[in-house]
Amino acid sequence: MAETVKLRDEYIKLGQALKAAHVVDSGVDAKYAVEEGLVKVNGQTEYQRGKKLRDGDVVEYDGKTIRIEA
């Protein structure tokens, strides 16, 4: 089942979304997961922790799916 992260603003950054969905414990863990190419956004490997995610984006990490919703 997919985890859902609700937007409070126009976007949320990738690292923040990983923490909000509780798939990483800290910003440092998020940083390494992204830098190592372990995170996909909308099916594409993403290497920027600061990538802006908006309504409808889908993040995949460690077998988990996170949906971004407004």
PDB file of N, CA and C in Angstrom:
ATOM      1  N   MET A   1       0.836  -1.192   0.000  1.00  0.00           N
ATOM      2  CA  MET A   1       0.000   0.000   0.000  1.00  0.00           C
ATOM      3  C   MET A   1       0.874   1.245   0.000  1.00  0.00           C
ATOM      4  N   ALA A   2       0.451   2.232  -0.725  1.00  0.00           N
ATOM      5  CA  ALA A   2       1.231   3.465  -0.854  1.00  0.00           C
ATOM      6  C   ALA A   2       1.020   4.364   0.355  1.00  0.00           C
ATOM      7  N   GLU A   3       2.080   4.996   0.757  1.00  0.00           N
ATOM      8  CA  GLU A   3       2.033   6.020   1.797  1.00  0.00           C
ATOM      9  C   GLU A   3       1.648   7.327   1.108  1.00  0.00           C
ATOM     10  N   THR A   4       0.890   8.176   1.774  1.00  0.00           N
ATOM     11  CA  THR A   4       0.503   9.453   1.194  1.00  0.00           C
ATOM     12  C   THR A   4       1.105  10.594   2.005  1.00  0.00           C
ATOM     13  N   VAL A   5       1.696  11.553   1.302  1.00  0.00           N
ATOM     14  CA  VAL A   5       2.205  12.761   1.951  1.00  0.00           C
ATOM     15  C   VAL A   5       1.363  13.924   1.447  1.00  0.00           C
ATOM     16  N   LYS A   6       0.725  14.621   2.369  1.00  0.00           N
ATOM     17  CA  LYS A   6      -0.123  15.768   2.016  1.00  0.00           C
ATOM     18  C   LYS A   6       0.736  17.026   1.926  1.00  0.00           C
ATOM     19  N   LEU A   7       0.522  17.786   0.865  1.00  0.00           N
ATOM     20  CA  LEU A   7       1.247  19.048   0.695  1.00  0.00           C
ATOM     21  C   LEU A   7       0.643  20.122   1.589  1.00  0.00           C
ATOM     22  N   ARG A   8       1.505  20.883   2.258  1.00  0.00           N
ATOM     23  CA  ARG A   8       1.049  22.044   3.009  1.00  0.00           C
ATOM     24  C   ARG A   8       1.252  23.308   2.185  1.00  0.00           C
ATOM     25  N   ASP A   9       2.205  23.217   1.261  1.00  0.00           N
ATOM     26  CA  ASP A   9       2.525  24.337   0.385  1.00  0.00           C
ATOM     27  C   ASP A   9       2.379  23.860  -1.060  1.00  0.00           C
ATOM     28  N   GLU A  10       2.920  24.632  -1.988  1.00  0.00           N
ATOM     29  CA  GLU A  10       2.840  24.290  -3.404  1.00  0.00           C
ATOM     30  C   GLU A  10       3.641  23.019  -3.722  1.00  0.00           C
ATOM     31  N   TYR A  11       4.713  22.779  -2.952  1.00  0.00           N
ATOM     32  CA  TYR A  11       5.566  21.611  -3.182  1.00  0.00           C
ATOM     33  C   TYR A  11       6.217  21.179  -1.876  1.00  0.00           C
ATOM     34  N   ILE A  12       6.814  19.988  -1.898  1.00  0.00           N
ATOM     35  CA  ILE A  12       7.647  19.511  -0.801  1.00  0.00           C
ATOM     36  C   ILE A  12       8.922  18.980  -1.440  1.00  0.00           C
ATOM     37  N   LYS A  13      10.042  19.167  -0.778  1.00  0.00           N
ATOM     38  CA  LYS A  13      11.301  18.672  -1.321  1.00  0.00           C
ATOM     39  C   LYS A  13      11.410  17.171  -1.073  1.00  0.00           C
ATOM     40  N   LEU A  14      12.131  16.497  -1.952  1.00  0.00           N
ATOM     41  CA  LEU A  14      12.246  15.047  -1.915  1.00  0.00           C
ATOM     42  C   LEU A  14      12.713  14.539  -0.551  1.00  0.00           C
ATOM     43  N   GLY A  15      13.767  15.123  -0.018  1.00  0.00           N
ATOM     44  CA  GLY A  15      14.284  14.689   1.282  1.00  0.00           C
ATOM     45  C   GLY A  15      13.241  14.818   2.378  1.00  0.00           C
ATOM     46  N   GLN A  16      12.482  15.903   2.345  1.00  0.00           N
ATOM     47  CA  GLN A  16      11.435  16.124   3.347  1.00  0.00           C
ATOM     48  C   GLN A  16      10.313  15.100   3.187  1.00  0.00           C
ATOM     49  N   ALA A  17       9.984  14.770   1.947  1.00  0.00           N
ATOM     50  CA  ALA A  17       8.920  13.796   1.691  1.00  0.00           C
ATOM     51  C   ALA A  17       9.313  12.415   2.208  1.00  0.00           C
ATOM     52  N   LEU A  18      10.577  12.032   2.024  1.00  0.00           N
ATOM     53  CA  LEU A  18      11.040  10.736   2.516  1.00  0.00           C
ATOM     54  C   LEU A  18      10.929  10.674   4.037  1.00  0.00           C
ATOM     55  N   LYS A  19      11.267  11.774   4.695  1.00  0.00           N
ATOM     56  CA  LYS A  19      11.142  11.822   6.161  1.00  0.00           C
ATOM     57  C   LYS A  19       9.677  11.826   6.579  1.00  0.00           C
ATOM     58  N   ALA A  20       8.847  12.610   5.905  1.00  0.00           N
ATOM     59  CA  ALA A  20       7.428  12.718   6.258  1.00  0.00           C
ATOM     60  C   ALA A  20       6.713  11.373   6.114  1.00  0.00           C
ATOM     61  N   ALA A  21       7.155  10.562   5.164  1.00  0.00           N
ATOM     62  CA  ALA A  21       6.541   9.252   4.943  1.00  0.00           C
ATOM     63  C   ALA A  21       7.152   8.176   5.848  1.00  0.00           C
ATOM     64  N   HIS A  22       8.127   8.566   6.661  1.00  0.00           N
ATOM     65  CA  HIS A  22       8.783   7.658   7.614  1.00  0.00           C
ATOM     66  C   HIS A  22       9.514   6.498   6.939  1.00  0.00           C
ATOM     67  N   VAL A  23      10.053   6.736   5.754  1.00  0.00           N
ATOM     68  CA  VAL A  23      10.845   5.692   5.088  1.00  0.00           C
ATOM     69  C   VAL A  23      12.338   5.876   5.347  1.00  0.00           C
ATOM     70  N   VAL A  24      12.712   7.043   5.870  1.00  0.00           N
ATOM     71  CA  VAL A  24      14.071   7.271   6.360  1.00  0.00           C
ATOM     72  C   VAL A  24      13.950   7.919   7.739  1.00  0.00           C
ATOM     73  N   ASP A  25      14.987   7.769   8.549  1.00  0.00           N
ATOM     74  CA  ASP A  25      14.942   8.298   9.909  1.00  0.00           C
ATOM     75  C   ASP A  25      15.388   9.747  10.012  1.00  0.00           C
ATOM     76  N   SER A  26      16.223  10.177   9.064  1.00  0.00           N
ATOM     77  CA  SER A  26      16.768  11.533   9.170  1.00  0.00           C
ATOM     78  C   SER A  26      17.066  12.111   7.795  1.00  0.00           C
ATOM     79  N   GLY A  27      17.366  13.396   7.788  1.00  0.00           N
ATOM     80  CA  GLY A  27      17.752  14.059   6.560  1.00  0.00           C
ATOM     81  C   GLY A  27      19.031  13.485   5.986  1.00  0.00           C
ATOM     82  N   VAL A  28      19.926  13.045   6.864  1.00  0.00           N
ATOM     83  CA  VAL A  28      21.184  12.451   6.420  1.00  0.00           C
ATOM     84  C   VAL A  28      20.902  11.142   5.670  1.00  0.00           C
ATOM     85  N   ASP A  29      20.000  10.328   6.235  1.00  0.00           N
ATOM     86  CA  ASP A  29      19.633   9.077   5.562  1.00  0.00           C
ATOM     87  C   ASP A  29      19.012   9.372   4.201  1.00  0.00           C
ATOM     88  N   ALA A  30      18.161  10.393   4.137  1.00  0.00           N
ATOM     89  CA  ALA A  30      17.532  10.777   2.872  1.00  0.00           C
ATOM     90  C   ALA A  30      18.597  11.202   1.868  1.00  0.00           C
ATOM     91  N   LYS A  31      19.551  11.997   2.327  1.00  0.00           N
ATOM     92  CA  LYS A  31      20.623  12.484   1.456  1.00  0.00           C
ATOM     93  C   LYS A  31      21.377  11.317   0.813  1.00  0.00           C
ATOM     94  N   TYR A  32      21.787  10.354   1.635  1.00  0.00           N
ATOM     95  CA  TYR A  32      22.551   9.230   1.092  1.00  0.00           C
ATOM     96  C   TYR A  32      21.714   8.351   0.169  1.00  0.00           C
ATOM     97  N   ALA A  33      20.456   8.120   0.515  1.00  0.00           N
ATOM     98  CA  ALA A  33      19.589   7.300  -0.329  1.00  0.00           C
ATOM     99  C   ALA A  33      19.454   7.927  -1.711  1.00  0.00           C
ATOM    100  N   VAL A  34      19.268   9.243  -1.748  1.00  0.00           N
ATOM    101  CA  VAL A  34      19.110   9.947  -3.026  1.00  0.00           C
ATOM    102  C   VAL A  34      20.428   9.963  -3.793  1.00  0.00           C
ATOM    103  N   GLU A  35      21.529  10.319  -3.119  1.00  0.00           N
ATOM    104  CA  GLU A  35      22.830  10.398  -3.792  1.00  0.00           C
ATOM    105  C   GLU A  35      23.265   9.057  -4.369  1.00  0.00           C
ATOM    106  N   GLU A  36      22.853   7.960  -3.714  1.00  0.00           N
ATOM    107  CA  GLU A  36      23.250   6.630  -4.175  1.00  0.00           C
ATOM    108  C   GLU A  36      22.332   6.096  -5.279  1.00  0.00           C
ATOM    109  N   GLY A  37      21.359   6.912  -5.702  1.00  0.00           N
ATOM    110  CA  GLY A  37      20.497   6.517  -6.809  1.00  0.00           C
ATOM    111  C   GLY A  37      19.447   5.485  -6.433  1.00  0.00           C
ATOM    112  N   LEU A  38      19.053   5.454  -5.161  1.00  0.00           N
ATOM    113  CA  LEU A  38      18.093   4.468  -4.689  1.00  0.00           C
ATOM    114  C   LEU A  38      16.650   4.958  -4.740  1.00  0.00           C
ATOM    115  N   VAL A  39      16.450   6.234  -5.101  1.00  0.00           N
ATOM    116  CA  VAL A  39      15.118   6.833  -5.075  1.00  0.00           C
ATOM    117  C   VAL A  39      14.669   7.174  -6.497  1.00  0.00           C
ATOM    118  N   LYS A  40      13.417   6.825  -6.807  1.00  0.00           N
ATOM    119  CA  LYS A  40      12.848   7.173  -8.110  1.00  0.00           C
ATOM    120  C   LYS A  40      11.679   8.127  -7.905  1.00  0.00           C
ATOM    121  N   VAL A  41      11.582   9.098  -8.810  1.00  0.00           N
ATOM    122  CA  VAL A  41      10.450  10.019  -8.829  1.00  0.00           C
ATOM    123  C   VAL A  41       9.779   9.857 -10.183  1.00  0.00           C
ATOM    124  N   ASN A  42       8.522   9.471 -10.163  1.00  0.00           N
ATOM    125  CA  ASN A  42       7.762   9.241 -11.396  1.00  0.00           C
ATOM    126  C   ASN A  42       8.508   8.297 -12.349  1.00  0.00           C
ATOM    127  N   GLY A  43       9.119   7.260 -11.766  1.00  0.00           N
ATOM    128  CA  GLY A  43       9.786   6.237 -12.568  1.00  0.00           C
ATOM    129  C   GLY A  43      11.211   6.544 -12.980  1.00  0.00           C
ATOM    130  N   GLN A  44      11.698   7.749 -12.672  1.00  0.00           N
ATOM    131  CA  GLN A  44      13.054   8.142 -13.050  1.00  0.00           C
ATOM    132  C   GLN A  44      13.938   8.253 -11.804  1.00  0.00           C
ATOM    133  N   THR A  45      15.151   7.710 -11.878  1.00  0.00           N
ATOM    134  CA  THR A  45      16.069   7.832 -10.755  1.00  0.00           C
ATOM    135  C   THR A  45      16.378   9.303 -10.524  1.00  0.00           C
ATOM    136  N   GLU A  46      16.293   9.718  -9.267  1.00  0.00           N
ATOM    137  CA  GLU A  46      16.496  11.133  -8.916  1.00  0.00           C
ATOM    138  C   GLU A  46      17.701  11.255  -7.991  1.00  0.00           C
ATOM    139  N   TYR A  47      18.606  12.184  -8.322  1.00  0.00           N
ATOM    140  CA  TYR A  47      19.825  12.367  -7.536  1.00  0.00           C
ATOM    141  C   TYR A  47      19.832  13.684  -6.765  1.00  0.00           C
ATOM    142  N   GLN A  48      18.761  14.453  -6.827  1.00  0.00           N
ATOM    143  CA  GLN A  48      18.708  15.752  -6.138  1.00  0.00           C
ATOM    144  C   GLN A  48      17.741  15.680  -4.967  1.00  0.00           C
ATOM    145  N   ARG A  49      18.290  15.771  -3.766  1.00  0.00           N
ATOM    146  CA  ARG A  49      17.469  15.704  -2.557  1.00  0.00           C
ATOM    147  C   ARG A  49      16.487  16.869  -2.497  1.00  0.00           C
ATOM    148  N   GLY A  50      16.848  17.995  -3.119  1.00  0.00           N
ATOM    149  CA  GLY A  50      16.004  19.186  -3.103  1.00  0.00           C
ATOM    150  C   GLY A  50      14.967  19.222  -4.217  1.00  0.00           C
ATOM    151  N   LYS A  51      14.838  18.135  -4.975  1.00  0.00           N
ATOM    152  CA  LYS A  51      13.840  18.062  -6.059  1.00  0.00           C
ATOM    153  C   LYS A  51      12.464  18.428  -5.505  1.00  0.00           C
ATOM    154  N   LYS A  52      11.788  19.345  -6.194  1.00  0.00           N
ATOM    155  CA  LYS A  52      10.471  19.782  -5.748  1.00  0.00           C
ATOM    156  C   LYS A  52       9.407  18.809  -6.230  1.00  0.00           C
ATOM    157  N   LEU A  53       8.656  18.263  -5.292  1.00  0.00           N
ATOM    158  CA  LEU A  53       7.575  17.338  -5.609  1.00  0.00           C
ATOM    159  C   LEU A  53       6.257  18.071  -5.490  1.00  0.00           C
ATOM    160  N   ARG A  54       5.386  17.818  -6.443  1.00  0.00           N
ATOM    161  CA  ARG A  54       4.085  18.492  -6.467  1.00  0.00           C
ATOM    162  C   ARG A  54       2.961  17.452  -6.484  1.00  0.00           C
ATOM    163  N   ASP A  55       1.735  17.931  -6.409  1.00  0.00           N
ATOM    164  CA  ASP A  55       0.563  17.070  -6.399  1.00  0.00           C
ATOM    165  C   ASP A  55       0.616  16.063  -7.554  1.00  0.00           C
ATOM    166  N   GLY A  56       0.450  14.788  -7.238  1.00  0.00           N
ATOM    167  CA  GLY A  56       0.433  13.749  -8.263  1.00  0.00           C
ATOM    168  C   GLY A  56       1.751  13.028  -8.458  1.00  0.00           C
ATOM    169  N   ASP A  57       2.847  13.566  -7.911  1.00  0.00           N
ATOM    170  CA  ASP A  57       4.139  12.894  -8.052  1.00  0.00           C
ATOM    171  C   ASP A  57       4.150  11.603  -7.233  1.00  0.00           C
ATOM    172  N   VAL A  58       4.923  10.624  -7.716  1.00  0.00           N
ATOM    173  CA  VAL A  58       5.041   9.333  -7.040  1.00  0.00           C
ATOM    174  C   VAL A  58       6.525   9.054  -6.803  1.00  0.00           C
ATOM    175  N   VAL A  59       6.856   8.730  -5.553  1.00  0.00           N
ATOM    176  CA  VAL A  59       8.235   8.437  -5.161  1.00  0.00           C
ATOM    177  C   VAL A  59       8.331   6.961  -4.811  1.00  0.00           C
ATOM    178  N   GLU A  60       9.407   6.311  -5.259  1.00  0.00           N
ATOM    179  CA  GLU A  60       9.644   4.912  -4.913  1.00  0.00           C
ATOM    180  C   GLU A  60      10.993   4.814  -4.220  1.00  0.00           C
ATOM    181  N   TYR A  61      10.999   4.102  -3.077  1.00  0.00           N
ATOM    182  CA  TYR A  61      12.241   3.900  -2.342  1.00  0.00           C
ATOM    183  C   TYR A  61      12.112   2.649  -1.476  1.00  0.00           C
ATOM    184  N   ASP A  62      13.091   1.779  -1.559  1.00  0.00           N
ATOM    185  CA  ASP A  62      13.181   0.614  -0.677  1.00  0.00           C
ATOM    186  C   ASP A  62      11.898  -0.225  -0.700  1.00  0.00           C
ATOM    187  N   GLY A  63      11.320  -0.395  -1.886  1.00  0.00           N
ATOM    188  CA  GLY A  63      10.120  -1.196  -2.020  1.00  0.00           C
ATOM    189  C   GLY A  63       8.843  -0.504  -1.597  1.00  0.00           C
ATOM    190  N   LYS A  64       8.946   0.764  -1.209  1.00  0.00           N
ATOM    191  CA  LYS A  64       7.781   1.511  -0.763  1.00  0.00           C
ATOM    192  C   LYS A  64       7.412   2.588  -1.795  1.00  0.00           C
ATOM    193  N   THR A  65       6.133   2.892  -1.865  1.00  0.00           N
ATOM    194  CA  THR A  65       5.646   3.920  -2.787  1.00  0.00           C
ATOM    195  C   THR A  65       5.041   5.049  -1.974  1.00  0.00           C
ATOM    196  N   ILE A  66       5.390   6.268  -2.328  1.00  0.00           N
ATOM    197  CA  ILE A  66       4.875   7.457  -1.650  1.00  0.00           C
ATOM    198  C   ILE A  66       4.178   8.317  -2.688  1.00  0.00           C
ATOM    199  N   ARG A  67       2.928   8.667  -2.423  1.00  0.00           N
ATOM    200  CA  ARG A  67       2.167   9.547  -3.314  1.00  0.00           C
ATOM    201  C   ARG A  67       2.084  10.928  -2.698  1.00  0.00           C
ATOM    202  N   ILE A  68       2.303  11.939  -3.524  1.00  0.00           N
ATOM    203  CA  ILE A  68       2.217  13.317  -3.084  1.00  0.00           C
ATOM    204  C   ILE A  68       0.837  13.847  -3.472  1.00  0.00           C
ATOM    205  N   GLU A  69       0.106  14.372  -2.475  1.00  0.00           N
ATOM    206  CA  GLU A  69      -1.250  14.869  -2.729  1.00  0.00           C
ATOM    207  C   GLU A  69      -1.419  16.265  -2.149  1.00  0.00           C
ATOM    208  N   ALA A  70      -2.219  17.071  -2.844  1.00  0.00           N
ATOM    209  CA  ALA A  70      -2.504  18.422  -2.367  1.00  0.00           C
ATOM    210  C   ALA A  70      -3.562  18.360  -1.278  1.00  0.00           C
TER     211      ALA A  70
END
